[in-house]
């Protein structure tokens, strides 16, 4: 028998025996006054008959909990009255449970209130979580986190993209909810990107190890330079090896191009500058180069440099997008 059931039994038992306090009497009697229509005769009973009715309800609760005497009463009229009393008893149990549990529920609600960090378009934010973990939140994204983590879990909620550098706590897992996915770590660094237009969530690891699950089903365990891309439309998850530096380039102080192909570099620039860049000649995508461009540089200056590396040129279109052309690489 649960503690809650024992507490309710004790209260009813003390009420029948007239051992309850005035406040407890009012609690039980107020409920009976408001819900007496479950058995309409309640309002017409004198105090002795009401005590007997309540004693019967109490007895029915004890029978329902123990489940040992459910088949004793077989007369149709008696069974009907029993079910009416059981319905009243069920409501009474719920009412009393809420009464006693409400302070704890209120306290739990306060302790789990979340702080919401909303980042506008074209901006980024860095936040230090209560456990010392650092999070870089990308533009048009939102991170929700508690003011204080519980003893058992560190739990946050992400919509959009963020890079996490999580402090290691062996006995306190760090959990990120993103759409339908749950990412669990102890201490590591990784990027999570939710694209609501494409219905995808990507998790990319730069350091340590993370697990990614959906609805209790493990989708995969990731180590550095591994990524899982989950599509909620077809419920498919693809695990692959990637260059994690490209995935997290949006939050770094510099743009790094270390032995990358032109196609990947352009993807990085598109994410960094939120602009469309396309190739007139697809063969250009395979050209590889190494170079570094400061984040503060204008996009057109960066394109001039990397196009020079790859014997290519670019044009700016009226809609603000860019097109790169050239002979490509063998």
C-alpha atoms as a PDB file:
ATOM      1  CA  UNK A   1       0.000   0.000   0.000  1.00  0.00           C
ATOM      2  CA  UNK A   2       1.384   3.419  -0.936  1.00  0.00           C
ATOM      3  CA  UNK A   3       2.090   6.099   1.645  1.00  0.00           C
ATOM      4  CA  UNK A   4      -0.624   8.316   0.095  1.00  0.00           C
ATOM      5  CA  UNK A   5      -3.242   5.575   0.529  1.00  0.00           C
ATOM      6  CA  UNK A   6      -2.104   4.991   4.113  1.00  0.00           C
ATOM      7  CA  UNK A   7      -2.384   8.724   4.854  1.00  0.00           C
ATOM      8  CA  UNK A   8      -5.904   8.883   3.412  1.00  0.00           C
ATOM      9  CA  UNK A   9      -6.982   5.777   5.329  1.00  0.00           C
ATOM     10  CA  UNK A  10      -5.594   7.275   8.526  1.00  0.00           C
ATOM     11  CA  UNK A  11      -7.464  10.559   7.986  1.00  0.00           C
ATOM     12  CA  UNK A  12     -10.791   8.835   7.305  1.00  0.00           C
ATOM     13  CA  UNK A  13     -10.284   6.482  10.224  1.00  0.00           C
ATOM     14  CA  UNK A  14      -9.570   9.369  12.574  1.00  0.00           C
ATOM     15  CA  UNK A  15     -12.597  11.280  11.231  1.00  0.00           C
ATOM     16  CA  UNK A  16     -14.941   8.356  11.915  1.00  0.00           C
ATOM     17  CA  UNK A  17     -13.475   8.059  15.412  1.00  0.00           C
ATOM     18  CA  UNK A  18     -13.813  11.853  15.943  1.00  0.00           C
ATOM     19  CA  UNK A  19     -10.061  12.240  16.369  1.00  0.00           C
ATOM     20  CA  UNK A  20      -9.512  14.762  13.556  1.00  0.00           C
ATOM     21  CA  UNK A  21      -8.794  18.451  13.980  1.00  0.00           C
ATOM     22  CA  UNK A  22     -11.315  21.160  13.149  1.00  0.00           C
ATOM     23  CA  UNK A  23      -9.569  21.932   9.850  1.00  0.00           C
ATOM     24  CA  UNK A  24      -9.548  18.255   8.901  1.00  0.00           C
ATOM     25  CA  UNK A  25     -13.258  17.979   9.798  1.00  0.00           C
ATOM     26  CA  UNK A  26     -14.017  20.942   7.552  1.00  0.00           C
ATOM     27  CA  UNK A  27     -12.012  19.447   4.700  1.00  0.00           C
ATOM     28  CA  UNK A  28     -13.915  16.139   4.725  1.00  0.00           C
ATOM     29  CA  UNK A  29     -17.321  17.688   5.431  1.00  0.00           C
ATOM     30  CA  UNK A  30     -16.901  20.406   2.803  1.00  0.00           C
ATOM     31  CA  UNK A  31     -16.227  17.753   0.209  1.00  0.00           C
ATOM     32  CA  UNK A  32     -19.252  15.738   1.355  1.00  0.00           C
ATOM     33  CA  UNK A  33     -21.491  18.831   1.183  1.00  0.00           C
ATOM     34  CA  UNK A  34     -20.306  19.667  -2.340  1.00  0.00           C
ATOM     35  CA  UNK A  35     -20.330  16.122  -3.687  1.00  0.00           C
ATOM     36  CA  UNK A  36     -23.147  14.571  -1.714  1.00  0.00           C
ATOM     37  CA  UNK A  37     -25.223  14.300  -4.915  1.00  0.00           C
ATOM     38  CA  UNK A  38     -23.208  11.161  -5.668  1.00  0.00           C
ATOM     39  CA  UNK A  39     -25.648   9.637  -3.159  1.00  0.00           C
ATOM     40  CA  UNK A  40     -28.640  12.058  -2.919  1.00  0.00           C
ATOM     41  CA  UNK A  41     -29.758  10.619   0.415  1.00  0.00           C
ATOM     42  CA  UNK A  42     -26.665  12.148   2.046  1.00  0.00           C
ATOM     43  CA  UNK A  43     -28.316  15.551   2.491  1.00  0.00           C
ATOM     44  CA  UNK A  44     -31.279  13.929   4.300  1.00  0.00           C
ATOM     45  CA  UNK A  45     -29.209  11.842   6.713  1.00  0.00           C
ATOM     46  CA  UNK A  46     -28.780  12.811  10.338  1.00  0.00           C
ATOM     47  CA  UNK A  47     -25.290  12.985  11.853  1.00  0.00           C
ATOM     48  CA  UNK A  48     -25.331   9.343  13.018  1.00  0.00           C
ATOM     49  CA  UNK A  49     -26.430   8.078   9.597  1.00  0.00           C
ATOM     50  CA  UNK A  50     -23.829  10.286   7.862  1.00  0.00           C
ATOM     51  CA  UNK A  51     -21.101   8.792  10.055  1.00  0.00           C
ATOM     52  CA  UNK A  52     -22.299   5.295   9.147  1.00  0.00           C
ATOM     53  CA  UNK A  53     -22.328   6.215   5.415  1.00  0.00           C
ATOM     54  CA  UNK A  54     -18.802   7.581   5.673  1.00  0.00           C
ATOM     55  CA  UNK A  55     -17.689   4.491   7.557  1.00  0.00           C
ATOM     56  CA  UNK A  56     -19.055   2.375   4.704  1.00  0.00           C
ATOM     57  CA  UNK A  57     -17.157   4.509   2.181  1.00  0.00           C
ATOM     58  CA  UNK A  58     -14.019   4.098   4.229  1.00  0.00           C
ATOM     59  CA  UNK A  59     -14.562   0.355   4.321  1.00  0.00           C
ATOM     60  CA  UNK A  60     -15.058   0.263   0.534  1.00  0.00           C
ATOM     61  CA  UNK A  61     -11.737   2.082   0.039  1.00  0.00           C
ATOM     62  CA  UNK A  62      -9.970  -0.448   2.218  1.00  0.00           C
ATOM     63  CA  UNK A  63     -11.568  -3.285   0.246  1.00  0.00           C
ATOM     64  CA  UNK A  64     -10.559  -1.728  -3.097  1.00  0.00           C
ATOM     65  CA  UNK A  65      -6.975  -1.342  -1.932  1.00  0.00           C
ATOM     66  CA  UNK A  66      -6.583  -4.847  -0.571  1.00  0.00           C
ATOM     67  CA  UNK A  67      -8.626  -6.430  -3.423  1.00  0.00           C
ATOM     68  CA  UNK A  68      -9.424  -9.381  -1.251  1.00  0.00           C
ATOM     69  CA  UNK A  69     -13.164  -9.029  -0.691  1.00  0.00           C
ATOM     70  CA  UNK A  70     -14.463  -7.702  -4.040  1.00  0.00           C
ATOM     71  CA  UNK A  71     -16.656 -10.768  -4.617  1.00  0.00           C
ATOM     72  CA  UNK A  72     -18.373 -10.925  -1.213  1.00  0.00           C
ATOM     73  CA  UNK A  73     -21.383  -8.739  -2.160  1.00  0.00           C
ATOM     74  CA  UNK A  74     -23.477 -10.225  -4.954  1.00  0.00           C
ATOM     75  CA  UNK A  75     -26.976  -8.723  -4.492  1.00  0.00           C
ATOM     76  CA  UNK A  76     -27.683  -6.379  -7.479  1.00  0.00           C
ATOM     77  CA  UNK A  77     -29.022  -3.503  -5.320  1.00  0.00           C
ATOM     78  CA  UNK A  78     -26.139  -3.771  -2.866  1.00  0.00           C
ATOM     79  CA  UNK A  79     -23.637  -3.935  -5.728  1.00  0.00           C
ATOM     80  CA  UNK A  80     -25.173  -0.793  -7.268  1.00  0.00           C
ATOM     81  CA  UNK A  81     -24.857   1.055  -3.953  1.00  0.00           C
ATOM     82  CA  UNK A  82     -21.312  -0.221  -3.585  1.00  0.00           C
ATOM     83  CA  UNK A  83     -20.290   1.223  -6.965  1.00  0.00           C
ATOM     84  CA  UNK A  84     -21.912   4.560  -6.101  1.00  0.00           C
ATOM     85  CA  UNK A  85     -19.919   4.650  -2.894  1.00  0.00           C
ATOM     86  CA  UNK A  86     -16.781   3.589  -4.693  1.00  0.00           C
ATOM     87  CA  UNK A  87     -17.252   6.480  -7.153  1.00  0.00           C
ATOM     88  CA  UNK A  88     -17.641   8.873  -4.245  1.00  0.00           C
ATOM     89  CA  UNK A  89     -14.627   7.292  -2.563  1.00  0.00           C
ATOM     90  CA  UNK A  90     -12.527   7.702  -5.707  1.00  0.00           C
ATOM     91  CA  UNK A  91     -13.380  11.409  -5.898  1.00  0.00           C
ATOM     92  CA  UNK A  92     -12.649  11.770  -2.190  1.00  0.00           C
ATOM     93  CA  UNK A  93      -9.275  10.050  -2.596  1.00  0.00           C
ATOM     94  CA  UNK A  94      -8.360  12.381  -5.477  1.00  0.00           C
ATOM     95  CA  UNK A  95      -9.535  15.458  -3.565  1.00  0.00           C
ATOM     96  CA  UNK A  96      -7.617  14.517  -0.432  1.00  0.00           C
ATOM     97  CA  UNK A  97      -4.545  13.584  -2.454  1.00  0.00           C
ATOM     98  CA  UNK A  98      -4.553  16.988  -4.154  1.00  0.00           C
ATOM     99  CA  UNK A  99      -5.064  18.678  -0.806  1.00  0.00           C
ATOM    100  CA  UNK A 100      -2.035  17.006   0.733  1.00  0.00           C
ATOM    101  CA  UNK A 101       0.123  17.004  -2.381  1.00  0.00           C
ATOM    102  CA  UNK A 102      -0.590  20.592  -3.519  1.00  0.00           C
ATOM    103  CA  UNK A 103       2.173  22.272  -1.464  1.00  0.00           C
ATOM    104  CA  UNK A 104       4.708  19.779  -2.840  1.00  0.00           C
ATOM    105  CA  UNK A 105       3.395  20.276  -6.386  1.00  0.00           C
ATOM    106  CA  UNK A 106       3.670  24.043  -6.004  1.00  0.00           C
ATOM    107  CA  UNK A 107       7.218  23.720  -4.690  1.00  0.00           C
ATOM    108  CA  UNK A 108       8.138  21.363  -7.546  1.00  0.00           C
ATOM    109  CA  UNK A 109       6.657  23.805 -10.070  1.00  0.00           C
ATOM    110  CA  UNK A 110       8.686  26.694  -8.677  1.00  0.00           C
ATOM    111  CA  UNK A 111      11.928  24.725  -8.675  1.00  0.00           C
ATOM    112  CA  UNK A 112      11.458  23.647 -12.300  1.00  0.00           C
ATOM    113  CA  UNK A 113      10.577  27.064 -13.693  1.00  0.00           C
ATOM    114  CA  UNK A 114      12.750  27.677 -16.724  1.00  0.00           C
ATOM    115  CA  UNK A 115      14.660  30.701 -17.906  1.00  0.00           C
ATOM    116  CA  UNK A 116      14.153  31.276 -21.633  1.00  0.00           C
ATOM    117  CA  UNK A 117      16.997  32.784 -23.658  1.00  0.00           C
ATOM    118  CA  UNK A 118      15.690  33.940 -27.053  1.00  0.00           C
ATOM    119  CA  UNK A 119      18.294  35.080 -29.583  1.00  0.00           C
ATOM    120  CA  UNK A 120      17.131  37.435 -32.375  1.00  0.00           C
ATOM    121  CA  UNK A 121      18.084  37.026 -36.032  1.00  0.00           C
ATOM    122  CA  UNK A 122      21.668  38.082 -36.886  1.00  0.00           C
ATOM    123  CA  UNK A 123      22.766  37.805 -33.257  1.00  0.00           C
ATOM    124  CA  UNK A 124      24.384  35.176 -31.033  1.00  0.00           C
ATOM    125  CA  UNK A 125      24.512  34.757 -27.265  1.00  0.00           C
ATOM    126  CA  UNK A 126      26.742  32.939 -24.812  1.00  0.00           C
ATOM    127  CA  UNK A 127      25.341  31.742 -21.482  1.00  0.00           C
ATOM    128  CA  UNK A 128      26.917  30.042 -18.465  1.00  0.00           C
ATOM    129  CA  UNK A 129      24.569  27.447 -16.994  1.00  0.00           C
ATOM    130  CA  UNK A 130      24.208  26.816 -13.228  1.00  0.00           C
ATOM    131  CA  UNK A 131      26.676  23.903 -13.390  1.00  0.00           C
ATOM    132  CA  UNK A 132      29.339  25.972 -15.182  1.00  0.00           C
ATOM    133  CA  UNK A 133      28.629  24.521 -18.630  1.00  0.00           C
ATOM    134  CA  UNK A 134      28.929  27.015 -21.494  1.00  0.00           C
ATOM    135  CA  UNK A 135      26.418  27.324 -24.311  1.00  0.00           C
ATOM    136  CA  UNK A 136      26.654  29.449 -27.460  1.00  0.00           C
ATOM    137  CA  UNK A 137      23.146  29.976 -28.840  1.00  0.00           C
ATOM    138  CA  UNK A 138      22.841  30.800 -32.544  1.00  0.00           C
ATOM    139  CA  UNK A 139      20.514  33.336 -34.139  1.00  0.00           C
ATOM    140  CA  UNK A 140      16.742  32.744 -34.177  1.00  0.00           C
ATOM    141  CA  UNK A 141      17.153  30.065 -31.480  1.00  0.00           C
ATOM    142  CA  UNK A 142      15.851  29.583 -27.958  1.00  0.00           C
ATOM    143  CA  UNK A 143      17.358  27.806 -24.955  1.00  0.00           C
ATOM    144  CA  UNK A 144      15.339  27.036 -21.828  1.00  0.00           C
ATOM    145  CA  UNK A 145      17.117  26.034 -18.618  1.00  0.00           C
ATOM    146  CA  UNK A 146      16.417  26.029 -14.856  1.00  0.00           C
ATOM    147  CA  UNK A 147      17.983  28.446 -12.423  1.00  0.00           C
ATOM    148  CA  UNK A 148      19.293  25.423 -10.543  1.00  0.00           C
ATOM    149  CA  UNK A 149      19.738  21.832 -11.693  1.00  0.00           C
ATOM    150  CA  UNK A 150      18.341  18.956  -9.649  1.00  0.00           C
ATOM    151  CA  UNK A 151      20.646  16.526  -7.876  1.00  0.00           C
ATOM    152  CA  UNK A 152      19.995  13.781 -10.434  1.00  0.00           C
ATOM    153  CA  UNK A 153      19.773  15.541 -13.799  1.00  0.00           C
ATOM    154  CA  UNK A 154      20.860  18.580 -15.756  1.00  0.00           C
ATOM    155  CA  UNK A 155      18.054  19.145 -18.233  1.00  0.00           C
ATOM    156  CA  UNK A 156      17.598  21.899 -20.884  1.00  0.00           C
ATOM    157  CA  UNK A 157      15.385  22.494 -23.923  1.00  0.00           C
ATOM    158  CA  UNK A 158      16.633  23.800 -27.283  1.00  0.00           C
ATOM    159  CA  UNK A 159      14.812  25.142 -30.312  1.00  0.00           C
ATOM    160  CA  UNK A 160      17.190  26.095 -33.136  1.00  0.00           C
ATOM    161  CA  UNK A 161      20.960  25.726 -32.864  1.00  0.00           C
ATOM    162  CA  UNK A 162      23.449  25.838 -30.015  1.00  0.00           C
ATOM    163  CA  UNK A 163      26.972  24.673 -29.240  1.00  0.00           C
ATOM    164  CA  UNK A 164      27.417  23.057 -25.816  1.00  0.00           C
ATOM    165  CA  UNK A 165      30.601  22.692 -23.793  1.00  0.00           C
ATOM    166  CA  UNK A 166      29.333  20.632 -20.871  1.00  0.00           C
ATOM    167  CA  UNK A 167      31.117  20.322 -17.520  1.00  0.00           C
ATOM    168  CA  UNK A 168      31.773  16.712 -16.570  1.00  0.00           C
ATOM    169  CA  UNK A 169      29.704  15.376 -13.666  1.00  0.00           C
ATOM    170  CA  UNK A 170      29.781  11.585 -13.616  1.00  0.00           C
ATOM    171  CA  UNK A 171      26.641  11.207 -11.481  1.00  0.00           C
ATOM    172  CA  UNK A 172      24.590  13.976 -13.083  1.00  0.00           C
ATOM    173  CA  UNK A 173      23.827  13.420 -16.786  1.00  0.00           C
ATOM    174  CA  UNK A 174      23.219  16.452 -18.998  1.00  0.00           C
ATOM    175  CA  UNK A 175      20.119  16.093 -21.188  1.00  0.00           C
ATOM    176  CA  UNK A 176      19.046  18.285 -24.106  1.00  0.00           C
ATOM    177  CA  UNK A 177      15.529  18.056 -25.527  1.00  0.00           C
ATOM    178  CA  UNK A 178      15.357  19.169 -29.175  1.00  0.00           C
ATOM    179  CA  UNK A 179      12.107  18.432 -30.962  1.00  0.00           C
ATOM    180  CA  UNK A 180      11.568  14.683 -30.558  1.00  0.00           C
ATOM    181  CA  UNK A 181      15.226  13.954 -29.860  1.00  0.00           C
ATOM    182  CA  UNK A 182      16.938  13.550 -26.505  1.00  0.00           C
ATOM    183  CA  UNK A 183      20.717  14.007 -26.369  1.00  0.00           C
ATOM    184  CA  UNK A 184      22.442  12.712 -23.221  1.00  0.00           C
ATOM    185  CA  UNK A 185      26.023  13.438 -22.125  1.00  0.00           C
ATOM    186  CA  UNK A 186      28.171  13.527 -19.002  1.00  0.00           C
ATOM    187  CA  UNK A 187      30.751  16.052 -20.150  1.00  0.00           C
ATOM    188  CA  UNK A 188      31.661  16.883 -23.732  1.00  0.00           C
ATOM    189  CA  UNK A 189      31.375  19.460 -26.518  1.00  0.00           C
ATOM    190  CA  UNK A 190      28.912  19.214 -29.380  1.00  0.00           C
ATOM    191  CA  UNK A 191      26.558  21.127 -31.645  1.00  0.00           C
ATOM    192  CA  UNK A 192      22.803  20.620 -32.027  1.00  0.00           C
ATOM    193  CA  UNK A 193      21.007  22.182 -34.970  1.00  0.00           C
ATOM    194  CA  UNK A 194      17.252  22.004 -35.511  1.00  0.00           C
ATOM    195  CA  UNK A 195      15.949  23.015 -38.952  1.00  0.00           C
ATOM    196  CA  UNK A 196      12.170  23.238 -38.694  1.00  0.00           C
ATOM    197  CA  UNK A 197      11.775  23.955 -42.403  1.00  0.00           C
ATOM    198  CA  UNK A 198      13.553  20.719 -43.340  1.00  0.00           C
ATOM    199  CA  UNK A 199      12.158  18.839 -40.301  1.00  0.00           C
ATOM    200  CA  UNK A 200      15.675  17.779 -39.296  1.00  0.00           C
ATOM    201  CA  UNK A 201      17.818  17.768 -36.160  1.00  0.00           C
ATOM    202  CA  UNK A 202      21.601  17.361 -36.428  1.00  0.00           C
ATOM    203  CA  UNK A 203      23.880  16.468 -33.531  1.00  0.00           C
ATOM    204  CA  UNK A 204      27.627  16.836 -34.158  1.00  0.00           C
ATOM    205  CA  UNK A 205      30.336  15.997 -31.606  1.00  0.00           C
ATOM    206  CA  UNK A 206      33.647  17.838 -31.313  1.00  0.00           C
ATOM    207  CA  UNK A 207      34.847  16.308 -28.016  1.00  0.00           C
ATOM    208  CA  UNK A 208      33.817  13.394 -25.827  1.00  0.00           C
ATOM    209  CA  UNK A 209      30.821  11.144 -26.424  1.00  0.00           C
ATOM    210  CA  UNK A 210      27.048  11.643 -26.586  1.00  0.00           C
ATOM    211  CA  UNK A 211      24.020   9.411 -27.070  1.00  0.00           C
ATOM    212  CA  UNK A 212      21.023  10.435 -29.155  1.00  0.00           C
ATOM    213  CA  UNK A 213      17.586   8.887 -28.680  1.00  0.00           C
ATOM    214  CA  UNK A 214      14.039   9.362 -29.904  1.00  0.00           C
ATOM    215  CA  UNK A 215      11.067   8.130 -27.910  1.00  0.00           C
ATOM    216  CA  UNK A 216      13.248   5.875 -25.781  1.00  0.00           C
ATOM    217  CA  UNK A 217      14.893   4.299 -28.842  1.00  0.00           C
ATOM    218  CA  UNK A 218      18.653   4.795 -29.153  1.00  0.00           C
ATOM    219  CA  UNK A 219      19.569   6.283 -32.533  1.00  0.00           C
ATOM    220  CA  UNK A 220      23.319   6.174 -31.971  1.00  0.00           C
ATOM    221  CA  UNK A 221      26.352   7.005 -29.856  1.00  0.00           C
ATOM    222  CA  UNK A 222      28.615   9.715 -31.281  1.00  0.00           C
ATOM    223  CA  UNK A 223      32.334  10.388 -30.831  1.00  0.00           C
ATOM    224  CA  UNK A 224      34.365  13.342 -32.207  1.00  0.00           C
ATOM    225  CA  UNK A 225      33.682  14.212 -35.871  1.00  0.00           C
ATOM    226  CA  UNK A 226      30.557  12.074 -35.968  1.00  0.00           C
ATOM    227  CA  UNK A 227      27.065  13.355 -36.682  1.00  0.00           C
ATOM    228  CA  UNK A 228      23.507  12.056 -36.565  1.00  0.00           C
ATOM    229  CA  UNK A 229      20.917  13.704 -38.780  1.00  0.00           C
ATOM    230  CA  UNK A 230      17.327  12.817 -37.878  1.00  0.00           C
ATOM    231  CA  UNK A 231      14.389  13.526 -40.221  1.00  0.00           C
ATOM    232  CA  UNK A 232      11.038  13.633 -38.413  1.00  0.00           C
ATOM    233  CA  UNK A 233       9.034  13.331 -41.653  1.00  0.00           C
ATOM    234  CA  UNK A 234      10.299   9.856 -42.539  1.00  0.00           C
ATOM    235  CA  UNK A 235      11.514   8.985 -39.015  1.00  0.00           C
ATOM    236  CA  UNK A 236      15.001   8.180 -40.337  1.00  0.00           C
ATOM    237  CA  UNK A 237      18.366   8.808 -38.693  1.00  0.00           C
ATOM    238  CA  UNK A 238      21.649   8.906 -40.637  1.00  0.00           C
ATOM    239  CA  UNK A 239      24.991   8.615 -38.842  1.00  0.00           C
ATOM    240  CA  UNK A 240      28.086   9.847 -40.670  1.00  0.00           C
ATOM    241  CA  UNK A 241      31.628  11.143 -40.247  1.00  0.00           C
ATOM    242  CA  UNK A 242      31.984  14.907 -40.760  1.00  0.00           C
ATOM    243  CA  UNK A 243      34.378  17.762 -40.099  1.00  0.00           C
ATOM    244  CA  UNK A 244      33.005  19.030 -36.795  1.00  0.00           C
ATOM    245  CA  UNK A 245      34.810  22.354 -37.216  1.00  0.00           C
ATOM    246  CA  UNK A 246      32.505  23.163 -40.115  1.00  0.00           C
ATOM    247  CA  UNK A 247      29.423  22.475 -37.995  1.00  0.00           C
ATOM    248  CA  UNK A 248      30.541  24.811 -35.205  1.00  0.00           C
ATOM    249  CA  UNK A 249      32.134  27.514 -37.342  1.00  0.00           C
ATOM    250  CA  UNK A 250      29.196  29.848 -36.692  1.00  0.00           C
ATOM    251  CA  UNK A 251      30.230  30.353 -33.032  1.00  0.00           C
ATOM    252  CA  UNK A 252      34.001  30.595 -33.413  1.00  0.00           C
ATOM    253  CA  UNK A 253      36.015  33.812 -33.493  1.00  0.00           C
ATOM    254  CA  UNK A 254      37.535  32.927 -36.852  1.00  0.00           C
ATOM    255  CA  UNK A 255      36.551  31.048 -39.968  1.00  0.00           C
ATOM    256  CA  UNK A 256      38.883  28.084 -40.435  1.00  0.00           C
ATOM    257  CA  UNK A 257      39.566  26.528 -43.832  1.00  0.00           C
ATOM    258  CA  UNK A 258      42.001  23.699 -43.138  1.00  0.00           C
ATOM    259  CA  UNK A 259      42.349  21.369 -46.134  1.00  0.00           C
ATOM    260  CA  UNK A 260      38.652  21.653 -46.996  1.00  0.00           C
ATOM    261  CA  UNK A 261      36.931  21.366 -50.350  1.00  0.00           C
ATOM    262  CA  UNK A 262      35.303  24.382 -51.955  1.00  0.00           C
ATOM    263  CA  UNK A 263      31.811  22.954 -51.496  1.00  0.00           C
ATOM    264  CA  UNK A 264      32.193  22.599 -47.729  1.00  0.00           C
ATOM    265  CA  UNK A 265      33.744  26.049 -47.450  1.00  0.00           C
ATOM    266  CA  UNK A 266      30.744  27.567 -49.216  1.00  0.00           C
ATOM    267  CA  UNK A 267      28.355  25.750 -46.874  1.00  0.00           C
ATOM    268  CA  UNK A 268      30.257  27.261 -43.968  1.00  0.00           C
ATOM    269  CA  UNK A 269      30.022  30.742 -45.474  1.00  0.00           C
ATOM    270  CA  UNK A 270      26.304  30.372 -46.148  1.00  0.00           C
ATOM    271  CA  UNK A 271      25.685  29.502 -42.521  1.00  0.00           C
ATOM    272  CA  UNK A 272      27.992  32.234 -41.252  1.00  0.00           C
ATOM    273  CA  UNK A 273      26.573  35.057 -43.377  1.00  0.00           C
ATOM    274  CA  UNK A 274      23.030  33.745 -43.871  1.00  0.00           C
ATOM    275  CA  UNK A 275      23.254  34.127 -47.646  1.00  0.00           C
ATOM    276  CA  UNK A 276      22.803  31.865 -50.673  1.00  0.00           C
ATOM    277  CA  UNK A 277      25.961  30.906 -52.607  1.00  0.00           C
ATOM    278  CA  UNK A 278      25.801  28.556 -55.608  1.00  0.00           C
ATOM    279  CA  UNK A 279      28.204  27.073 -58.175  1.00  0.00           C
ATOM    280  CA  UNK A 280      27.790  27.552 -61.919  1.00  0.00           C
ATOM    281  CA  UNK A 281      30.266  24.671 -62.386  1.00  0.00           C
ATOM    282  CA  UNK A 282      29.733  21.786 -59.963  1.00  0.00           C
ATOM    283  CA  UNK A 283      33.310  20.569 -60.516  1.00  0.00           C
ATOM    284  CA  UNK A 284      34.495  23.480 -58.365  1.00  0.00           C
ATOM    285  CA  UNK A 285      33.080  21.820 -55.249  1.00  0.00           C
ATOM    286  CA  UNK A 286      35.871  19.221 -55.159  1.00  0.00           C
ATOM    287  CA  UNK A 287      38.727  21.749 -55.237  1.00  0.00           C
ATOM    288  CA  UNK A 288      40.646  21.656 -51.936  1.00  0.00           C
ATOM    289  CA  UNK A 289      42.522  24.478 -50.244  1.00  0.00           C
ATOM    290  CA  UNK A 290      43.780  25.758 -46.878  1.00  0.00           C
ATOM    291  CA  UNK A 291      43.357  29.268 -45.522  1.00  0.00           C
ATOM    292  CA  UNK A 292      41.939  31.322 -42.658  1.00  0.00           C
ATOM    293  CA  UNK A 293      39.615  34.316 -42.883  1.00  0.00           C
ATOM    294  CA  UNK A 294      38.855  36.563 -39.943  1.00  0.00           C
ATOM    295  CA  UNK A 295      35.211  36.620 -38.962  1.00  0.00           C
ATOM    296  CA  UNK A 296      35.132  40.377 -39.133  1.00  0.00           C
ATOM    297  CA  UNK A 297      35.953  40.377 -42.856  1.00  0.00           C
ATOM    298  CA  UNK A 298      33.201  41.149 -45.354  1.00  0.00           C
ATOM    299  CA  UNK A 299      31.909  38.198 -47.364  1.00  0.00           C
ATOM    300  CA  UNK A 300      32.963  39.664 -50.705  1.00  0.00           C
ATOM    301  CA  UNK A 301      36.545  40.020 -49.453  1.00  0.00           C
ATOM    302  CA  UNK A 302      36.558  36.399 -48.265  1.00  0.00           C
ATOM    303  CA  UNK A 303      35.167  35.206 -51.606  1.00  0.00           C
ATOM    304  CA  UNK A 304      37.910  37.080 -53.461  1.00  0.00           C
ATOM    305  CA  UNK A 305      40.567  35.213 -51.463  1.00  0.00           C
ATOM    306  CA  UNK A 306      39.143  31.700 -51.703  1.00  0.00           C
ATOM    307  CA  UNK A 307      38.197  32.147 -55.370  1.00  0.00           C
ATOM    308  CA  UNK A 308      41.812  33.139 -56.067  1.00  0.00           C
ATOM    309  CA  UNK A 309      42.934  29.908 -54.350  1.00  0.00           C
ATOM    310  CA  UNK A 310      40.699  27.869 -56.658  1.00  0.00           C
ATOM    311  CA  UNK A 311      41.071  29.741 -59.986  1.00  0.00           C
ATOM    312  CA  UNK A 312      37.492  30.917 -59.825  1.00  0.00           C
ATOM    313  CA  UNK A 313      35.414  34.099 -59.934  1.00  0.00           C
ATOM    314  CA  UNK A 314      32.124  35.142 -58.367  1.00  0.00           C
ATOM    315  CA  UNK A 315      29.196  37.406 -59.207  1.00  0.00           C
ATOM    316  CA  UNK A 316      26.650  39.109 -56.989  1.00  0.00           C
ATOM    317  CA  UNK A 317      23.052  38.647 -58.133  1.00  0.00           C
ATOM    318  CA  UNK A 318      20.309  41.320 -57.773  1.00  0.00           C
ATOM    319  CA  UNK A 319      18.685  39.316 -54.961  1.00  0.00           C
ATOM    320  CA  UNK A 320      21.927  39.443 -52.921  1.00  0.00           C
ATOM    321  CA  UNK A 321      23.000  35.863 -53.602  1.00  0.00           C
ATOM    322  CA  UNK A 322      26.386  34.855 -55.078  1.00  0.00           C
ATOM    323  CA  UNK A 323      27.324  32.583 -57.987  1.00  0.00           C
ATOM    324  CA  UNK A 324      30.838  31.108 -58.278  1.00  0.00           C
ATOM    325  CA  UNK A 325      32.220  29.984 -61.638  1.00  0.00           C
ATOM    326  CA  UNK A 326      35.481  28.579 -62.988  1.00  0.00           C
ATOM    327  CA  UNK A 327      37.032  25.561 -64.730  1.00  0.00           C
ATOM    328  CA  UNK A 328      37.038  23.412 -61.607  1.00  0.00           C
ATOM    329  CA  UNK A 329      39.572  20.797 -60.507  1.00  0.00           C
ATOM    330  CA  UNK A 330      40.454  17.401 -61.930  1.00  0.00           C
END
